[in-house]
Amino acid sequence: MPIIHPIRLSLSNAYLVLVERPVLVDAGSPGEERKIARAVAAAGVELSDISLILLTHAHRDHAGSARALKAMTGAPVALHPAEHAMLERGHMGKLQPVRPRHALWEPFLNRPFPGLTADLPLHDGQSLAEWGLGASVVETPGHSSGSVSVVLPDGDALAGDLLIGGFLGGLIEPGRPRLPYFAEDLPLLHDSLVKLCGVAAGRWYLGHGGPIDSSQIAPRIRVAELAPAGGA
């Protein structure tokens, strides 16, 4: 069964998934490749052993060190095709705040990052067995148009920014599910929550805060009942 090693970074989480061939899920902000490399070494893994760098989406705090880590590991970078242009230009474009006050964060978060071309496309239902991980890709758009989650055989999921846990990047109540600060399409985010609840009944490992138990989400599945991050 896969072992998930969270890597806590300045703004987000990356995850090292230990299986037959280790997989790195998400790549932090620019300049965090050395911190990720140290965490990989602490888990007893050589950088050259990583088989795949899988990005749940191409936002700066999840893809910012992808180019450096690709050079360090030699591993291919996998990403949904709807995110490829964002990754190549190294900029997120205009973000859509979930609440008006969340727009105050954009100047601090929405900055350029080292762009690159993804090596592999991800699609709904795709098996990751080729890279040593017995898991599948689930398209979960809403936060961004090409966001994906990774569902493991035991029902756990690596869910990117489909939700976030708690407040202040998970420093407070990290296990409390909240909507992210930004979402391209809230109704689509709702549909993705419903979809992932149907296939991932275990713990969800999030890009910020977490993990959370999916049983906390299902009773509050309507978007109106999941208060936006930073809300009352």
Protein backbone atom coordinates (compact mmCIF):
# COMPACT_ATOMS: atom_id res chain seq x y z
CA MET A 1 0.00 0.00 0.00
CA PRO A 2 1.38 3.47 -0.83
CA ILE A 3 2.91 5.53 1.97
CA ILE A 4 2.29 9.27 1.73
CA HIS A 5 4.96 11.63 3.04
CA PRO A 6 3.70 15.21 3.31
CA ILE A 7 6.27 17.91 2.53
CA ARG A 8 5.27 21.16 4.25
CA LEU A 9 6.42 24.18 2.29
CA SER A 10 6.09 27.95 2.71
CA LEU A 11 2.64 28.24 1.09
CA SER A 12 1.60 24.73 0.14
CA ASN A 13 2.14 21.02 0.56
CA ALA A 14 3.89 18.64 -1.78
CA TYR A 15 3.69 14.88 -1.32
CA LEU A 16 6.16 12.07 -1.82
CA VAL A 17 4.24 8.86 -2.47
CA LEU A 18 6.35 5.81 -1.65
CA VAL A 19 5.51 2.85 -3.83
CA GLU A 20 7.52 0.58 -6.11
CA ARG A 21 8.84 3.73 -7.83
CA PRO A 22 8.36 6.94 -5.80
CA VAL A 23 6.14 9.67 -7.24
CA LEU A 24 6.27 13.35 -6.29
CA VAL A 25 2.90 15.11 -6.30
CA ASP A 26 3.22 18.90 -6.71
CA ALA A 27 6.37 20.96 -6.62
CA GLY A 28 5.90 23.98 -4.36
CA SER A 29 6.78 27.61 -5.05
CA PRO A 30 9.88 28.82 -6.89
CA GLY A 31 13.08 28.22 -4.95
CA GLU A 32 11.72 25.35 -2.83
CA GLU A 33 13.42 22.56 -4.77
CA ARG A 34 16.17 22.19 -2.14
CA LYS A 35 13.68 21.86 0.68
CA ILE A 36 11.81 19.23 -1.31
CA ALA A 37 15.09 17.44 -2.07
CA ARG A 38 15.95 17.34 1.64
CA ALA A 39 12.53 15.89 2.46
CA VAL A 40 12.96 13.25 -0.24
CA ALA A 41 16.37 12.29 1.18
CA ALA A 42 14.94 12.15 4.72
CA ALA A 43 12.42 9.60 3.45
CA GLY A 44 15.28 7.42 2.25
CA VAL A 45 14.74 8.13 -1.43
CA GLU A 46 17.31 9.19 -4.02
CA LEU A 47 16.20 12.01 -6.31
CA SER A 48 17.06 9.79 -9.27
CA ASP A 49 14.56 7.19 -8.00
CA ILE A 50 11.56 9.49 -8.52
CA SER A 51 9.64 8.17 -11.50
CA LEU A 52 7.19 11.03 -12.03
CA ILE A 53 6.48 14.62 -10.98
CA LEU A 54 2.70 14.92 -11.08
CA LEU A 55 1.19 18.40 -10.82
CA THR A 56 -2.41 18.63 -9.60
CA HIS A 57 -2.57 22.02 -11.35
CA ALA A 58 -0.18 24.67 -12.66
CA HIS A 59 -0.50 27.42 -10.05
CA ARG A 60 2.72 29.03 -8.84
CA ASP A 61 2.64 27.45 -5.37
CA HIS A 62 2.27 23.95 -6.84
CA ALA A 63 4.41 24.15 -9.98
CA GLY A 64 6.96 26.83 -9.14
CA SER A 65 9.88 24.45 -8.57
CA ALA A 66 8.85 21.89 -11.19
CA ARG A 67 11.49 22.96 -13.72
CA ALA A 68 14.29 22.75 -11.15
CA LEU A 69 13.07 19.40 -9.81
CA LYS A 70 12.81 17.97 -13.30
CA ALA A 71 16.47 18.88 -13.84
CA MET A 72 17.45 17.40 -10.48
CA THR A 73 15.55 14.13 -10.83
CA GLY A 74 15.31 13.48 -14.56
CA ALA A 75 11.66 12.59 -14.00
CA PRO A 76 8.95 13.61 -16.47
CA VAL A 77 6.37 16.22 -15.47
CA ALA A 78 2.70 15.22 -15.86
CA LEU A 79 -0.15 17.71 -16.00
CA HIS A 80 -3.66 17.98 -17.42
CA PRO A 81 -3.63 19.52 -20.94
CA ALA A 82 -5.92 22.37 -19.84
CA GLU A 83 -3.03 23.59 -17.63
CA HIS A 84 -0.21 23.25 -20.15
CA ALA A 85 -0.33 26.84 -21.42
CA MET A 86 -0.24 28.21 -17.87
CA LEU A 87 2.81 26.10 -17.04
CA GLU A 88 4.60 27.10 -20.23
CA ARG A 89 4.12 30.84 -19.74
CA GLY A 90 4.98 30.65 -16.02
CA HIS A 91 2.09 32.81 -14.92
CA MET A 92 -1.36 32.01 -13.56
CA GLY A 93 -3.24 34.82 -15.29
CA LYS A 94 -6.14 36.56 -13.60
CA LEU A 95 -7.44 34.72 -10.52
CA GLN A 96 -11.11 34.67 -9.53
CA PRO A 97 -11.55 35.25 -5.77
CA VAL A 98 -14.23 33.22 -4.00
CA ARG A 99 -14.99 36.25 -1.82
CA PRO A 100 -14.19 39.88 -2.69
CA ARG A 101 -11.67 40.25 0.15
CA HIS A 102 -9.66 37.32 -1.18
CA ALA A 103 -8.63 39.58 -4.06
CA LEU A 104 -6.30 41.30 -1.57
CA TRP A 105 -4.08 38.20 -1.66
CA GLU A 106 -3.62 38.19 -5.43
CA PRO A 107 -0.70 40.65 -5.67
CA PHE A 108 1.26 38.51 -3.20
CA LEU A 109 0.41 35.15 -4.78
CA ASN A 110 0.04 35.83 -8.49
CA ARG A 111 3.61 36.34 -9.64
CA PRO A 112 5.70 34.77 -12.41
CA PHE A 113 7.43 31.44 -11.92
CA PRO A 114 9.88 29.36 -14.01
CA GLY A 115 7.84 27.93 -16.85
CA LEU A 116 8.38 24.63 -18.64
CA THR A 117 6.65 22.27 -21.02
CA ALA A 118 4.89 19.30 -19.46
CA ASP A 119 6.09 15.92 -20.69
CA LEU A 120 2.95 13.90 -20.15
CA PRO A 121 -0.79 14.69 -20.31
CA LEU A 122 -3.15 13.52 -17.58
CA HIS A 123 -6.74 12.51 -18.21
CA ASP A 124 -9.74 11.23 -16.29
CA GLY A 125 -9.48 7.56 -15.30
CA GLN A 126 -5.82 7.29 -16.25
CA SER A 127 -3.86 4.60 -14.43
CA LEU A 128 -0.49 5.55 -12.98
CA ALA A 129 0.74 1.96 -12.86
CA GLU A 130 3.30 2.69 -15.57
CA TRP A 131 5.14 4.85 -13.03
CA GLY A 132 4.91 2.32 -10.21
CA LEU A 133 1.84 3.80 -8.53
CA GLY A 134 -1.37 1.77 -8.39
CA ALA A 135 -3.65 4.80 -8.47
CA SER A 136 -5.87 6.64 -10.91
CA VAL A 137 -6.29 10.24 -12.05
CA VAL A 138 -9.64 11.95 -11.50
CA GLU A 139 -10.39 15.24 -13.21
CA THR A 140 -11.60 17.68 -10.51
CA PRO A 141 -11.81 21.12 -12.16
CA GLY A 142 -13.23 24.25 -10.56
CA HIS A 143 -10.28 25.76 -8.73
CA SER A 144 -8.61 25.74 -12.13
CA SER A 145 -9.82 24.31 -15.41
CA GLY A 146 -7.42 21.39 -15.45
CA SER A 147 -7.14 20.50 -11.77
CA VAL A 148 -6.84 16.78 -11.06
CA SER A 149 -6.82 14.52 -8.02
CA VAL A 150 -5.05 11.19 -7.53
CA VAL A 151 -7.11 8.41 -5.96
CA LEU A 152 -5.24 5.58 -4.25
CA PRO A 153 -6.47 1.98 -3.95
CA ASP A 154 -7.43 2.42 -0.28
CA GLY A 155 -9.75 5.35 -1.07
CA ASP A 156 -7.35 8.08 0.00
CA ALA A 157 -6.82 10.97 -2.41
CA LEU A 158 -4.31 13.67 -3.17
CA ALA A 159 -6.75 16.45 -4.00
CA GLY A 160 -4.67 19.55 -4.70
CA ASP A 161 -6.70 22.71 -4.06
CA LEU A 162 -10.14 21.20 -4.54
CA LEU A 163 -10.49 22.14 -0.87
CA ILE A 164 -8.10 23.60 1.66
CA GLY A 165 -7.79 22.70 5.32
CA GLY A 166 -8.34 25.33 8.00
CA PHE A 167 -6.95 28.84 8.06
CA LEU A 168 -3.60 30.52 7.34
CA GLY A 169 -2.38 27.71 5.16
CA GLY A 170 -3.43 25.07 7.64
CA LEU A 171 -1.77 26.58 10.70
CA ILE A 172 -5.18 26.77 12.39
CA GLU A 173 -7.69 23.88 12.26
CA PRO A 174 -5.92 22.08 9.38
CA GLY A 175 -8.51 19.31 9.39
CA ARG A 176 -11.47 21.64 8.79
CA PRO A 177 -12.55 21.64 5.12
CA ARG A 178 -12.87 25.04 3.47
CA LEU A 179 -13.25 26.30 -0.06
CA PRO A 180 -10.07 27.70 -1.62
CA TYR A 181 -9.44 31.43 -1.88
CA PHE A 182 -9.74 31.35 -5.67
CA ALA A 183 -11.90 29.34 -8.06
CA GLU A 184 -12.42 29.71 -11.78
CA ASP A 185 -15.85 28.08 -11.58
CA LEU A 186 -17.61 27.49 -8.24
CA PRO A 187 -20.47 25.33 -9.61
CA LEU A 188 -17.89 23.15 -11.34
CA LEU A 189 -15.93 22.96 -8.08
CA HIS A 190 -19.12 21.70 -6.42
CA ASP A 191 -19.52 19.02 -9.08
CA SER A 192 -15.91 17.96 -8.57
CA LEU A 193 -16.46 17.66 -4.82
CA VAL A 194 -19.44 15.40 -5.43
CA LYS A 195 -17.41 13.38 -7.93
CA LEU A 196 -14.43 12.86 -5.65
CA CYS A 197 -16.61 11.98 -2.66
CA GLY A 198 -18.02 9.18 -4.80
CA VAL A 199 -14.65 7.59 -5.51
CA ALA A 200 -12.43 8.58 -2.56
CA ALA A 201 -13.98 7.64 0.79
CA GLY A 202 -10.77 7.88 2.79
CA ARG A 203 -8.50 10.78 3.73
CA TRP A 204 -7.91 13.68 1.39
CA TYR A 205 -4.40 15.12 1.32
CA LEU A 206 -4.65 18.77 0.34
CA GLY A 207 -2.41 21.42 -1.14
CA HIS A 208 -2.94 23.61 1.94
CA GLY A 209 -3.65 22.24 5.42
CA GLY A 210 -5.24 18.84 5.82
CA PRO A 211 -5.47 15.98 5.65
CA ILE A 212 -9.22 15.78 6.06
CA ASP A 213 -11.58 12.84 6.33
CA SER A 214 -14.00 12.67 3.40
CA SER A 215 -16.79 11.91 5.87
CA GLN A 216 -16.54 15.56 6.96
CA ILE A 217 -17.29 16.72 3.43
CA ALA A 218 -20.24 14.61 2.33
CA PRO A 219 -22.75 16.02 4.87
CA ARG A 220 -21.82 19.57 3.81
CA ILE A 221 -21.49 18.95 0.09
CA ARG A 222 -23.51 21.97 -1.01
CA VAL A 223 -21.12 24.80 -1.76
CA ALA A 224 -23.14 27.18 0.41
CA GLU A 225 -22.40 24.98 3.41
CA LEU A 226 -18.64 24.98 2.87
CA ALA A 227 -17.66 28.45 3.99
CA PRO A 228 -14.95 30.02 1.83
CA ALA A 229 -11.48 30.08 3.29
CA GLY A 230 -11.12 32.94 5.72
CA GLY A 231 -14.90 33.23 6.04
CA ALA A 232 -16.84 33.27 9.27
